[in-house]
Every structure is written in C-alpha cells, then in structure tokens.
C-alpha atoms as a PDB file:
ATOM      1  CA  UNK A   1       0.000   0.000   0.000  1.00  0.00           C
ATOM      2  CA  UNK A   2       2.908   2.324   0.738  1.00  0.00           C
ATOM      3  CA  UNK A   3       4.282   1.927  -2.780  1.00  0.00           C
ATOM      4  CA  UNK A   4       0.841   2.404  -4.334  1.00  0.00           C
ATOM      5  CA  UNK A   5       0.332   5.632  -2.356  1.00  0.00           C
ATOM      6  CA  UNK A   6       3.756   6.873  -3.417  1.00  0.00           C
ATOM      7  CA  UNK A   7       3.092   6.208  -7.080  1.00  0.00           C
ATOM      8  CA  UNK A   8      -0.351   7.804  -6.900  1.00  0.00           C
ATOM      9  CA  UNK A   9       0.969  10.913  -5.130  1.00  0.00           C
ATOM     10  CA  UNK A  10       3.865  11.269  -7.591  1.00  0.00           C
ATOM     11  CA  UNK A  11       1.615  10.999 -10.632  1.00  0.00           C
ATOM     12  CA  UNK A  12      -0.899  13.378  -9.035  1.00  0.00           C
ATOM     13  CA  UNK A  13       1.697  16.089  -8.489  1.00  0.00           C
ATOM     14  CA  UNK A  14       3.083  15.566 -11.982  1.00  0.00           C
ATOM     15  CA  UNK A  15      -0.364  15.902 -13.586  1.00  0.00           C
ATOM     16  CA  UNK A  16      -1.305  19.013 -11.622  1.00  0.00           C
ATOM     17  CA  UNK A  17       1.964  20.806 -12.375  1.00  0.00           C
ATOM     18  CA  UNK A  18       2.068  19.679 -16.007  1.00  0.00           C
ATOM     19  CA  UNK A  19      -1.530  20.553 -16.850  1.00  0.00           C
ATOM     20  CA  UNK A  20      -1.444  23.817 -14.909  1.00  0.00           C
ATOM     21  CA  UNK A  21       1.729  25.021 -16.591  1.00  0.00           C
ATOM     22  CA  UNK A  22       0.555  23.802 -20.004  1.00  0.00           C
ATOM     23  CA  UNK A  23      -2.646  25.810 -19.655  1.00  0.00           C
ATOM     24  CA  UNK A  24      -0.638  28.875 -18.600  1.00  0.00           C
ATOM     25  CA  UNK A  25       1.731  28.475 -21.569  1.00  0.00           C
ATOM     26  CA  UNK A  26      -1.128  28.035 -24.041  1.00  0.00           C
ATOM     27  CA  UNK A  27      -2.684  31.287 -22.781  1.00  0.00           C
ATOM     28  CA  UNK A  28       0.442  33.411 -22.436  1.00  0.00           C
ATOM     29  CA  UNK A  29       2.885  32.271 -25.120  1.00  0.00           C
ATOM     30  CA  UNK A  30       2.052  35.208 -27.416  1.00  0.00           C
ATOM     31  CA  UNK A  31       3.500  37.689 -24.912  1.00  0.00           C
ATOM     32  CA  UNK A  32       6.686  35.654 -24.723  1.00  0.00           C
ATOM     33  CA  UNK A  33       6.748  35.478 -28.522  1.00  0.00           C
ATOM     34  CA  UNK A  34       6.448  39.242 -28.772  1.00  0.00           C
ATOM     35  CA  UNK A  35       9.437  39.611 -26.425  1.00  0.00           C
ATOM     36  CA  UNK A  36      11.460  36.891 -28.182  1.00  0.00           C
ATOM     37  CA  UNK A  37      10.858  38.497 -31.573  1.00  0.00           C
ATOM     38  CA  UNK A  38      13.096  41.392 -30.550  1.00  0.00           C
ATOM     39  CA  UNK A  39      16.060  38.970 -30.482  1.00  0.00           C
ATOM     40  CA  UNK A  40      17.832  37.199 -33.356  1.00  0.00           C
ATOM     41  CA  UNK A  41      15.538  34.645 -34.934  1.00  0.00           C
ATOM     42  CA  UNK A  42      17.554  31.605 -33.828  1.00  0.00           C
ATOM     43  CA  UNK A  43      17.196  32.770 -30.232  1.00  0.00           C
ATOM     44  CA  UNK A  44      13.480  33.251 -30.813  1.00  0.00           C
ATOM     45  CA  UNK A  45      13.250  29.629 -31.939  1.00  0.00           C
ATOM     46  CA  UNK A  46      15.170  28.463 -28.865  1.00  0.00           C
ATOM     47  CA  UNK A  47      12.954  30.465 -26.519  1.00  0.00           C
ATOM     48  CA  UNK A  48       9.735  29.185 -28.090  1.00  0.00           C
ATOM     49  CA  UNK A  49      10.868  25.558 -27.934  1.00  0.00           C
ATOM     50  CA  UNK A  50      11.991  25.951 -24.316  1.00  0.00           C
ATOM     51  CA  UNK A  51       8.613  27.462 -23.486  1.00  0.00           C
ATOM     52  CA  UNK A  52       6.820  24.557 -25.158  1.00  0.00           C
ATOM     53  CA  UNK A  53       8.850  21.953 -23.227  1.00  0.00           C
ATOM     54  CA  UNK A  54       8.762  23.910 -19.946  1.00  0.00           C
ATOM     55  CA  UNK A  55       5.659  22.172 -18.481  1.00  0.00           C
ATOM     56  CA  UNK A  56       7.114  18.682 -18.948  1.00  0.00           C
ATOM     57  CA  UNK A  57      10.577  19.552 -17.601  1.00  0.00           C
ATOM     58  CA  UNK A  58       9.198  21.469 -14.622  1.00  0.00           C
ATOM     59  CA  UNK A  59       6.701  18.761 -13.703  1.00  0.00           C
ATOM     60  CA  UNK A  60       9.358  16.045 -13.987  1.00  0.00           C
ATOM     61  CA  UNK A  61      11.881  17.975 -11.863  1.00  0.00           C
ATOM     62  CA  UNK A  62       9.367  18.822  -9.140  1.00  0.00           C
ATOM     63  CA  UNK A  63       8.160  15.225  -9.008  1.00  0.00           C
ATOM     64  CA  UNK A  64      11.620  13.631  -8.995  1.00  0.00           C
ATOM     65  CA  UNK A  65      13.443  16.173  -6.831  1.00  0.00           C
ATOM     66  CA  UNK A  66      10.739  17.017  -4.271  1.00  0.00           C
ATOM     67  CA  UNK A  67       7.644  14.822  -4.324  1.00  0.00           C
ATOM     68  CA  UNK A  68       9.277  11.399  -4.356  1.00  0.00           C
ATOM     69  CA  UNK A  69      12.013  12.198  -1.769  1.00  0.00           C
ATOM     70  CA  UNK A  70       9.538  13.893   0.593  1.00  0.00           C
ATOM     71  CA  UNK A  71       7.218  10.906   0.443  1.00  0.00           C
ATOM     72  CA  UNK A  72      10.019   8.388   1.039  1.00  0.00           C
ATOM     73  CA  UNK A  73      11.489  10.370   3.939  1.00  0.00           C
ATOM     74  CA  UNK A  74       8.421  11.534   5.831  1.00  0.00           C
ATOM     75  CA  UNK A  75       5.569   9.183   4.973  1.00  0.00           C
ATOM     76  CA  UNK A  76       5.118   6.494   7.683  1.00  0.00           C
ATOM     77  CA  UNK A  77       5.350   3.028   6.198  1.00  0.00           C
ATOM     78  CA  UNK A  78       3.303   1.343   8.893  1.00  0.00           C
ATOM     79  CA  UNK A  79       0.153   3.437   8.403  1.00  0.00           C
ATOM     80  CA  UNK A  80      -2.389   1.682   6.224  1.00  0.00           C
ATOM     81  CA  UNK A  81      -4.610   4.564   5.199  1.00  0.00           C
ATOM     82  CA  UNK A  82      -6.953   4.321   2.217  1.00  0.00           C
ATOM     83  CA  UNK A  83      -6.150   6.192  -0.962  1.00  0.00           C
ATOM     84  CA  UNK A  84      -8.512   9.068  -1.640  1.00  0.00           C
ATOM     85  CA  UNK A  85     -10.474   9.462  -4.848  1.00  0.00           C
ATOM     86  CA  UNK A  86      -8.639  12.608  -5.996  1.00  0.00           C
ATOM     87  CA  UNK A  87      -5.098  11.182  -6.032  1.00  0.00           C
ATOM     88  CA  UNK A  88      -6.381   7.980  -7.606  1.00  0.00           C
ATOM     89  CA  UNK A  89      -8.128   9.910 -10.400  1.00  0.00           C
ATOM     90  CA  UNK A  90      -5.077  12.117 -10.950  1.00  0.00           C
ATOM     91  CA  UNK A  91      -2.802   9.077 -11.011  1.00  0.00           C
ATOM     92  CA  UNK A  92      -4.972   7.500 -13.697  1.00  0.00           C
ATOM     93  CA  UNK A  93      -4.832  10.747 -15.677  1.00  0.00           C
ATOM     94  CA  UNK A  94      -1.052  10.848 -15.312  1.00  0.00           C
ATOM     95  CA  UNK A  95      -0.702   7.279 -16.500  1.00  0.00           C
ATOM     96  CA  UNK A  96      -2.977   8.081 -19.430  1.00  0.00           C
ATOM     97  CA  UNK A  97      -0.915  11.156 -20.343  1.00  0.00           C
ATOM     98  CA  UNK A  98       2.318   9.158 -20.303  1.00  0.00           C
ATOM     99  CA  UNK A  99       0.856   6.345 -22.388  1.00  0.00           C
ATOM    100  CA  UNK A 100      -0.663   8.800 -24.864  1.00  0.00           C
ATOM    101  CA  UNK A 101       2.679  10.579 -25.237  1.00  0.00           C
ATOM    102  CA  UNK A 102       4.614   7.376 -25.884  1.00  0.00           C
ATOM    103  CA  UNK A 103       1.999   6.034 -28.303  1.00  0.00           C
ATOM    104  CA  UNK A 104       1.685   9.345 -30.171  1.00  0.00           C
ATOM    105  CA  UNK A 105       5.460   9.702 -30.517  1.00  0.00           C
ATOM    106  CA  UNK A 106       5.819   6.039 -31.517  1.00  0.00           C
ATOM    107  CA  UNK A 107       3.133   6.225 -34.204  1.00  0.00           C
ATOM    108  CA  UNK A 108       4.617   9.459 -35.555  1.00  0.00           C
ATOM    109  CA  UNK A 109       8.057   7.863 -35.711  1.00  0.00           C
ATOM    110  CA  UNK A 110       6.644   4.795 -37.460  1.00  0.00           C
ATOM    111  CA  UNK A 111       4.780   6.847 -40.092  1.00  0.00           C
ATOM    112  CA  UNK A 112       7.847   8.962 -40.797  1.00  0.00           C
ATOM    113  CA  UNK A 113      10.120   5.917 -41.022  1.00  0.00           C
ATOM    114  CA  UNK A 114       7.745   4.179 -43.429  1.00  0.00           C
ATOM    115  CA  UNK A 115       7.520   7.203 -45.739  1.00  0.00           C
ATOM    116  CA  UNK A 116      11.244   8.014 -45.694  1.00  0.00           C
ATOM    117  CA  UNK A 117      12.137   4.361 -46.316  1.00  0.00           C
ATOM    118  CA  UNK A 118       9.990   4.462 -49.441  1.00  0.00           C
ATOM    119  CA  UNK A 119      11.741   7.613 -50.613  1.00  0.00           C
ATOM    120  CA  UNK A 120      15.247   6.261 -50.069  1.00  0.00           C
ATOM    121  CA  UNK A 121      14.721   2.699 -51.316  1.00  0.00           C
ATOM    122  CA  UNK A 122      16.324   3.459 -54.702  1.00  0.00           C
ATOM    123  CA  UNK A 123      18.073   6.720 -53.831  1.00  0.00           C
ATOM    124  CA  UNK A 124      21.655   7.279 -54.955  1.00  0.00           C
ATOM    125  CA  UNK A 125      24.386   9.141 -53.035  1.00  0.00           C
ATOM    126  CA  UNK A 126      25.404  12.546 -54.352  1.00  0.00           C
ATOM    127  CA  UNK A 127      28.882  14.036 -53.991  1.00  0.00           C
ATOM    128  CA  UNK A 128      28.533  17.478 -52.381  1.00  0.00           C
ATOM    129  CA  UNK A 129      30.299  19.721 -49.890  1.00  0.00           C
ATOM    130  CA  UNK A 130      27.537  19.166 -47.323  1.00  0.00           C
ATOM    131  CA  UNK A 131      28.485  17.924 -43.863  1.00  0.00           C
ATOM    132  CA  UNK A 132      25.900  15.102 -44.021  1.00  0.00           C
ATOM    133  CA  UNK A 133      25.080  12.430 -46.631  1.00  0.00           C
ATOM    134  CA  UNK A 134      22.971  13.637 -49.569  1.00  0.00           C
ATOM    135  CA  UNK A 135      20.791  11.170 -51.478  1.00  0.00           C
ATOM    136  CA  UNK A 136      19.209  11.746 -54.880  1.00  0.00           C
ATOM    137  CA  UNK A 137      15.617  10.509 -55.192  1.00  0.00           C
ATOM    138  CA  UNK A 138      13.845   9.618 -58.417  1.00  0.00           C
ATOM    139  CA  UNK A 139      10.682  11.414 -57.297  1.00  0.00           C
ATOM    140  CA  UNK A 140      10.102  15.137 -57.877  1.00  0.00           C
ATOM    141  CA  UNK A 141       8.633  15.967 -54.453  1.00  0.00           C
ATOM    142  CA  UNK A 142       9.751  16.699 -51.869  1.00  0.00           C
ATOM    143  CA  UNK A 143      12.334  18.752 -53.716  1.00  0.00           C
ATOM    144  CA  UNK A 144      14.718  18.810 -50.752  1.00  0.00           C
ATOM    145  CA  UNK A 145      14.274  17.751 -47.152  1.00  0.00           C
ATOM    146  CA  UNK A 146      16.316  16.852 -44.084  1.00  0.00           C
ATOM    147  CA  UNK A 147      15.288  13.452 -42.755  1.00  0.00           C
ATOM    148  CA  UNK A 148      16.368  11.232 -39.904  1.00  0.00           C
ATOM    149  CA  UNK A 149      17.313  11.724 -36.266  1.00  0.00           C
ATOM    150  CA  UNK A 150      20.043   9.215 -35.421  1.00  0.00           C
ATOM    151  CA  UNK A 151      21.312   8.980 -39.013  1.00  0.00           C
ATOM    152  CA  UNK A 152      20.379  12.325 -40.579  1.00  0.00           C
ATOM    153  CA  UNK A 153      20.673  12.903 -44.303  1.00  0.00           C
ATOM    154  CA  UNK A 154      19.414  15.293 -46.926  1.00  0.00           C
ATOM    155  CA  UNK A 155      17.086  13.916 -49.592  1.00  0.00           C
ATOM    156  CA  UNK A 156      17.278  15.715 -52.934  1.00  0.00           C
ATOM    157  CA  UNK A 157      15.058  15.150 -55.948  1.00  0.00           C
ATOM    158  CA  UNK A 158      16.679  14.855 -59.354  1.00  0.00           C
ATOM    159  CA  UNK A 159      14.357  17.566 -60.632  1.00  0.00           C
ATOM    160  CA  UNK A 160      15.524  20.029 -57.982  1.00  0.00           C
ATOM    161  CA  UNK A 161      19.171  19.202 -58.651  1.00  0.00           C
ATOM    162  CA  UNK A 162      18.723  19.932 -62.359  1.00  0.00           C
ATOM    163  CA  UNK A 163      16.703  23.090 -61.722  1.00  0.00           C
ATOM    164  CA  UNK A 164      19.106  24.865 -59.352  1.00  0.00           C
ATOM    165  CA  UNK A 165      22.444  26.463 -60.112  1.00  0.00           C
ATOM    166  CA  UNK A 166      25.466  25.329 -58.118  1.00  0.00           C
ATOM    167  CA  UNK A 167      25.220  28.349 -55.794  1.00  0.00           C
ATOM    168  CA  UNK A 168      21.504  27.901 -55.248  1.00  0.00           C
ATOM    169  CA  UNK A 169      21.944  24.194 -54.596  1.00  0.00           C
ATOM    170  CA  UNK A 170      24.709  24.791 -52.050  1.00  0.00           C
ATOM    171  CA  UNK A 171      22.769  27.382 -50.062  1.00  0.00           C
ATOM    172  CA  UNK A 172      19.688  25.138 -50.089  1.00  0.00           C
ATOM    173  CA  UNK A 173      21.813  22.282 -48.757  1.00  0.00           C
ATOM    174  CA  UNK A 174      23.231  24.623 -46.102  1.00  0.00           C
ATOM    175  CA  UNK A 175      19.664  25.350 -45.016  1.00  0.00           C
ATOM    176  CA  UNK A 176      18.905  21.650 -44.553  1.00  0.00           C
ATOM    177  CA  UNK A 177      22.197  21.040 -42.744  1.00  0.00           C
ATOM    178  CA  UNK A 178      21.293  23.868 -40.354  1.00  0.00           C
ATOM    179  CA  UNK A 179      18.101  21.976 -39.448  1.00  0.00           C
ATOM    180  CA  UNK A 180      20.150  18.861 -38.776  1.00  0.00           C
ATOM    181  CA  UNK A 181      22.691  20.689 -36.620  1.00  0.00           C
ATOM    182  CA  UNK A 182      19.881  22.223 -34.568  1.00  0.00           C
ATOM    183  CA  UNK A 183      18.283  18.775 -34.094  1.00  0.00           C
ATOM    184  CA  UNK A 184      14.955  20.130 -35.335  1.00  0.00           C
ATOM    185  CA  UNK A 185      13.589  16.692 -36.253  1.00  0.00           C
ATOM    186  CA  UNK A 186      14.306  15.401 -32.748  1.00  0.00           C
ATOM    187  CA  UNK A 187      12.559  18.461 -31.323  1.00  0.00           C
ATOM    188  CA  UNK A 188       9.521  17.728 -33.491  1.00  0.00           C
ATOM    189  CA  UNK A 189       9.418  14.211 -32.041  1.00  0.00           C
ATOM    190  CA  UNK A 190       9.539  15.686 -28.537  1.00  0.00           C
ATOM    191  CA  UNK A 191       6.551  17.878 -29.387  1.00  0.00           C
ATOM    192  CA  UNK A 192       4.580  14.784 -30.369  1.00  0.00           C
ATOM    193  CA  UNK A 193       5.370  13.295 -26.969  1.00  0.00           C
ATOM    194  CA  UNK A 194       4.056  16.360 -25.123  1.00  0.00           C
ATOM    195  CA  UNK A 195       0.993  16.994 -27.324  1.00  0.00           C
ATOM    196  CA  UNK A 196      -1.497  19.148 -25.429  1.00  0.00           C
ATOM    197  CA  UNK A 197      -4.665  21.012 -26.486  1.00  0.00           C
ATOM    198  CA  UNK A 198      -4.218  24.692 -27.341  1.00  0.00           C
ATOM    199  CA  UNK A 199      -0.515  24.470 -28.269  1.00  0.00           C
ATOM    200  CA  UNK A 200      -0.920  24.552 -32.060  1.00  0.00           C
ATOM    201  CA  UNK A 201      -0.274  28.296 -32.317  1.00  0.00           C
ATOM    202  CA  UNK A 202       2.932  28.085 -30.287  1.00  0.00           C
ATOM    203  CA  UNK A 203       4.191  25.106 -32.280  1.00  0.00           C
ATOM    204  CA  UNK A 204       3.443  26.857 -35.584  1.00  0.00           C
ATOM    205  CA  UNK A 205       5.324  29.955 -34.386  1.00  0.00           C
ATOM    206  CA  UNK A 206       8.279  27.761 -33.426  1.00  0.00           C
ATOM    207  CA  UNK A 207       8.252  26.046 -36.829  1.00  0.00           C
ATOM    208  CA  UNK A 208       8.319  29.410 -38.599  1.00  0.00           C
ATOM    209  CA  UNK A 209      11.180  30.591 -36.398  1.00  0.00           C
ATOM    210  CA  UNK A 210      13.180  27.424 -37.121  1.00  0.00           C
ATOM    211  CA  UNK A 211      12.793  27.953 -40.862  1.00  0.00           C
ATOM    212  CA  UNK A 212      13.999  31.548 -40.678  1.00  0.00           C
ATOM    213  CA  UNK A 213      16.840  30.532 -38.337  1.00  0.00           C
ATOM    214  CA  UNK A 214      17.936  27.903 -40.873  1.00  0.00           C
ATOM    215  CA  UNK A 215      17.723  30.520 -43.633  1.00  0.00           C
ATOM    216  CA  UNK A 216      20.015  32.837 -41.699  1.00  0.00           C
ATOM    217  CA  UNK A 217      22.439  30.024 -40.864  1.00  0.00           C
ATOM    218  CA  UNK A 218      22.648  29.001 -44.530  1.00  0.00           C
ATOM    219  CA  UNK A 219      23.983  32.285 -45.888  1.00  0.00           C
ATOM    220  CA  UNK A 220      27.055  34.362 -45.185  1.00  0.00           C
ATOM    221  CA  UNK A 221      26.634  37.176 -47.708  1.00  0.00           C
ATOM    222  CA  UNK A 222      24.023  39.015 -49.726  1.00  0.00           C
ATOM    223  CA  UNK A 223      24.826  36.968 -52.830  1.00  0.00           C
ATOM    224  CA  UNK A 224      24.231  33.715 -50.953  1.00  0.00           C
ATOM    225  CA  UNK A 225      20.986  35.119 -49.569  1.00  0.00           C
ATOM    226  CA  UNK A 226      19.844  35.859 -53.112  1.00  0.00           C
ATOM    227  CA  UNK A 227      20.828  32.330 -54.158  1.00  0.00           C
ATOM    228  CA  UNK A 228      18.690  30.838 -51.398  1.00  0.00           C
ATOM    229  CA  UNK A 229      15.772  33.134 -52.257  1.00  0.00           C
ATOM    230  CA  UNK A 230      16.018  32.022 -55.884  1.00  0.00           C
ATOM    231  CA  UNK A 231      16.092  28.380 -54.785  1.00  0.00           C
ATOM    232  CA  UNK A 232      12.952  28.879 -52.704  1.00  0.00           C
ATOM    233  CA  UNK A 233      11.135  30.512 -55.610  1.00  0.00           C
ATOM    234  CA  UNK A 234      12.148  27.848 -58.137  1.00  0.00           C
ATOM    235  CA  UNK A 235      11.360  24.880 -55.905  1.00  0.00           C
ATOM    236  CA  UNK A 236       8.065  26.336 -54.694  1.00  0.00           C
ATOM    237  CA  UNK A 237       6.870  26.228 -58.312  1.00  0.00           C
ATOM    238  CA  UNK A 238       7.185  22.440 -58.199  1.00  0.00           C
ATOM    239  CA  UNK A 239       4.500  22.334 -55.517  1.00  0.00           C
ATOM    240  CA  UNK A 240       4.489  22.047 -51.723  1.00  0.00           C
ATOM    241  CA  UNK A 241       4.903  18.284 -51.745  1.00  0.00           C
ATOM    242  CA  UNK A 242       3.713  15.829 -49.148  1.00  0.00           C
ATOM    243  CA  UNK A 243       3.904  17.034 -45.553  1.00  0.00           C
ATOM    244  CA  UNK A 244       5.819  14.372 -43.630  1.00  0.00           C
ATOM    245  CA  UNK A 245       6.347  14.475 -39.894  1.00  0.00           C
ATOM    246  CA  UNK A 246       9.886  14.473 -38.482  1.00  0.00           C
ATOM    247  CA  UNK A 247      11.343  15.955 -41.663  1.00  0.00           C
ATOM    248  CA  UNK A 248      12.415  19.507 -42.496  1.00  0.00           C
ATOM    249  CA  UNK A 249      11.467  20.216 -46.093  1.00  0.00           C
ATOM    250  CA  UNK A 250      12.946  23.303 -47.726  1.00  0.00           C
ATOM    251  CA  UNK A 251       9.577  24.165 -49.313  1.00  0.00           C
ATOM    252  CA  UNK A 252       6.473  23.219 -47.367  1.00  0.00           C
ATOM    253  CA  UNK A 253       5.159  26.428 -45.884  1.00  0.00           C
ATOM    254  CA  UNK A 254       2.025  28.433 -46.740  1.00  0.00           C
ATOM    255  CA  UNK A 255       2.471  30.943 -49.555  1.00  0.00           C
ATOM    256  CA  UNK A 256       2.318  33.940 -47.209  1.00  0.00           C
ATOM    257  CA  UNK A 257       5.166  32.619 -45.070  1.00  0.00           C
ATOM    258  CA  UNK A 258       7.170  31.681 -48.154  1.00  0.00           C
ATOM    259  CA  UNK A 259       6.882  35.302 -49.291  1.00  0.00           C
ATOM    260  CA  UNK A 260       8.094  36.438 -45.891  1.00  0.00           C
ATOM    261  CA  UNK A 261      11.138  34.182 -46.111  1.00  0.00           C
ATOM    262  CA  UNK A 262      11.975  35.355 -49.629  1.00  0.00           C
ATOM    263  CA  UNK A 263      11.598  39.028 -48.654  1.00  0.00           C
ATOM    264  CA  UNK A 264      13.885  38.529 -45.631  1.00  0.00           C
ATOM    265  CA  UNK A 265      16.534  36.984 -47.846  1.00  0.00           C
ATOM    266  CA  UNK A 266      16.259  39.627 -50.560  1.00  0.00           C
ATOM    267  CA  UNK A 267      16.721  42.357 -47.939  1.00  0.00           C
ATOM    268  CA  UNK A 268      19.537  40.451 -46.183  1.00  0.00           C
ATOM    269  CA  UNK A 269      22.398  42.538 -44.841  1.00  0.00           C
ATOM    270  CA  UNK A 270      25.634  41.754 -43.041  1.00  0.00           C
ATOM    271  CA  UNK A 271      24.272  43.430 -39.923  1.00  0.00           C
ATOM    272  CA  UNK A 272      21.735  40.639 -39.530  1.00  0.00           C
ATOM    273  CA  UNK A 273      24.403  38.037 -38.854  1.00  0.00           C
ATOM    274  CA  UNK A 274      24.908  38.283 -35.113  1.00  0.00           C
ATOM    275  CA  UNK A 275      27.966  36.422 -33.828  1.00  0.00           C
ATOM    276  CA  UNK A 276      27.254  33.515 -31.530  1.00  0.00           C
ATOM    277  CA  UNK A 277      27.488  34.539 -27.914  1.00  0.00           C
ATOM    278  CA  UNK A 278      29.457  32.016 -25.903  1.00  0.00           C
ATOM    279  CA  UNK A 279      28.974  32.742 -22.211  1.00  0.00           C
ATOM    280  CA  UNK A 280      31.995  32.385 -20.010  1.00  0.00           C
ATOM    281  CA  UNK A 281      32.112  29.033 -18.138  1.00  0.00           C
ATOM    282  CA  UNK A 282      32.586  30.973 -14.915  1.00  0.00           C
ATOM    283  CA  UNK A 283      28.969  32.184 -15.078  1.00  0.00           C
ATOM    284  CA  UNK A 284      27.703  28.601 -15.287  1.00  0.00           C
ATOM    285  CA  UNK A 285      29.967  27.470 -12.453  1.00  0.00           C
ATOM    286  CA  UNK A 286      28.846  30.346 -10.217  1.00  0.00           C
ATOM    287  CA  UNK A 287      25.172  29.731 -10.990  1.00  0.00           C
ATOM    288  CA  UNK A 288      25.523  26.003 -10.287  1.00  0.00           C
ATOM    289  CA  UNK A 289      27.384  26.640  -7.030  1.00  0.00           C
ATOM    290  CA  UNK A 290      24.752  29.146  -5.876  1.00  0.00           C
ATOM    291  CA  UNK A 291      21.931  26.737  -6.728  1.00  0.00           C
ATOM    292  CA  UNK A 292      23.589  23.852  -4.876  1.00  0.00           C
ATOM    293  CA  UNK A 293      24.226  26.041  -1.842  1.00  0.00           C
ATOM    294  CA  UNK A 294      20.617  27.257  -1.794  1.00  0.00           C
ATOM    295  CA  UNK A 295      19.279  23.714  -1.998  1.00  0.00           C
ATOM    296  CA  UNK A 296      21.679  22.505   0.689  1.00  0.00           C
ATOM    297  CA  UNK A 297      20.316  25.125   3.078  1.00  0.00           C
ATOM    298  CA  UNK A 298      16.615  24.867   2.318  1.00  0.00           C
ATOM    299  CA  UNK A 299      16.115  21.390   0.835  1.00  0.00           C
ATOM    300  CA  UNK A 300      14.933  19.658   4.013  1.00  0.00           C
ATOM    301  CA  UNK A 301      12.423  22.408   4.790  1.00  0.00           C
ATOM    302  CA  UNK A 302      11.154  22.307   1.225  1.00  0.00           C
ATOM    303  CA  UNK A 303      10.673  18.538   1.430  1.00  0.00           C
ATOM    304  CA  UNK A 304       8.706  18.911   4.653  1.00  0.00           C
ATOM    305  CA  UNK A 305       6.399  21.482   3.085  1.00  0.00           C
ATOM    306  CA  UNK A 306       5.932  19.368  -0.016  1.00  0.00           C
ATOM    307  CA  UNK A 307       5.033  16.396   2.169  1.00  0.00           C
ATOM    308  CA  UNK A 308       2.500  18.494   4.049  1.00  0.00           C
ATOM    309  CA  UNK A 309       0.901  19.477   0.756  1.00  0.00           C
ATOM    310  CA  UNK A 310       0.822  15.889  -0.514  1.00  0.00           C
ATOM    311  CA  UNK A 311      -0.707  14.743   2.801  1.00  0.00           C
ATOM    312  CA  UNK A 312      -3.581  17.114   2.149  1.00  0.00           C
ATOM    313  CA  UNK A 313      -3.862  15.720  -1.350  1.00  0.00           C
ATOM    314  CA  UNK A 314      -4.051  12.109  -0.144  1.00  0.00           C
ATOM    315  CA  UNK A 315      -6.763  12.904   2.345  1.00  0.00           C
END
C-alpha cells in the first residue's frame, strides 16, 4: 500500500503541475513570442521551444526532486490509510498522459520511417560539400528535405538538382544542414510526446522561427541570400509536396510565409548576422554553485512542506 500511495501521489503532483503550466503556456505564449521576436531569430526559436517543453521539464523535476524524496522520507510506512479518490483519479490521468505521449510519438516515428524508407529505397548518393550524406531521389517531391534523427541525411530530388544552379543548390543544402545541426527533427518528435490542447499556435510559431533561423544560418553574404531566395522561388513552383512528420522540407510552408522568407533573404544585410554569444564558463559554475548552496540550506524544509501538501492531497 505504501508503494501504491507513493506512485499515486507522484503521478498526481506531476499531472497538476504539467496541466497547470501547459494551460498557462497556451494562454500566455504570445506575450513571450512578442518579447522573443526582438532577439535574433535563432534565439526566438530556442525560446519558443523551451517554453513549449517547460511544463514537462518542470513537472518532472518537481516530481523527482521534491515529491518522491519527501514521500520516502516523511511518509510512515506502517500506516495503512486508504487512498482518496482525488489522487487515484489524478494518477490514472497521469498514467494516461504518459501512455498517450509514448503512443503518439511512436506512431509518428513509425509513419515517418515508413515514408522516408519508401523515398530512399532506390536513392543514390550525391557528392557534395555538405556535412551530411545527400541522397538523390527519383521522385520530384519533396524537392529537398532533411530526414532522420540518429542517421540524418538530406534527400534531394533529381528535378531540384537539375533546376538549381550550383550556388543555389549549395545554399539550399546549407539550409537543410542547419536543421540537422539544430536537431529540429528530434525536437519535433519531442513535441509529439508532449501533445497538449491549445498548443498549435505556439508550435506553428516555433516552426516558422526554425525555418527563418535555418535561412540565416545558410547564408554568409548578400549573394548567398539571393541564391537561397532564388532556390525557394524555383522549388516552390514544383509544388508544396507531401507534408511528412519528423522531416524539415525546404519548401512546405504556406504561400504567405514563403513570401516572408523570400523578402527577408532579398533584404539580407551583413548586420543581420549576429555572432554567436558564448557565455563564459565561470557564469555557469557560479550559478551552479549558488543553486547547490541554496538547496543545501533549504532542501529539508522544502521537502517537509511538499510532504505536508501531498498529505492534504491524499486525504
């Protein structure tokens, strides 16, 4: 009974924190987006993804670092008290959320694997200057897409290869490589695991930011920006292609957003390329030391208060 109570309490706390924060994020993400939009677009993408994952990470940390230890330390093992209806219902909801996340992510992964396997069955390797393998497909669409998580590669249609100049092809490949370096396909899989009602707008904003971040990462000069804009225009005329989950197609966006991307590239300037800021390791060390010291001083009191709150929940 002790173990059952512990599991029920842990899942209950996880569900309450996760659902509460998810609801708050779904209602307030636009304000964060407005603030993030004042920063370079790659940082905007990072902020939006962190905001989307925040409920899961926070709920997991609170459950693992506070709820479980407080229950194990302060809950009497000899008391055989019945489990209340609220923690039991919340535990069932938590189990359902976890199962739904795993199943949703697994089905998404299976669909993507099945489609990509069909694309690459007769694909041929292409010699390029890209940092990842490039495969030429016999099909016309998708014209170019980054596929794979553990073994990423760029899939290129023969039609797109013939249509683009060498400069346009290289900048388009740079765009797809930028998606791979940022692990965007893995992030998309994570979003399928944490699917929650009301998050579509935030996820769409993140997807747009990732595309513009990849555009910026793909070019180093105005001429390269024009090459990528020309590649977008040419390949968009082939059609949007089939939308496949866990891939990053060069051309898949609505027409309005495609126009936005092209206009950004046409008006590209050297001032837009902001150098990567690498914070000094000393800041991280100081922050970690301060956090450890704070927890060392207050951790026991925090656990006692968490246990008091979970006792109320059980009753």
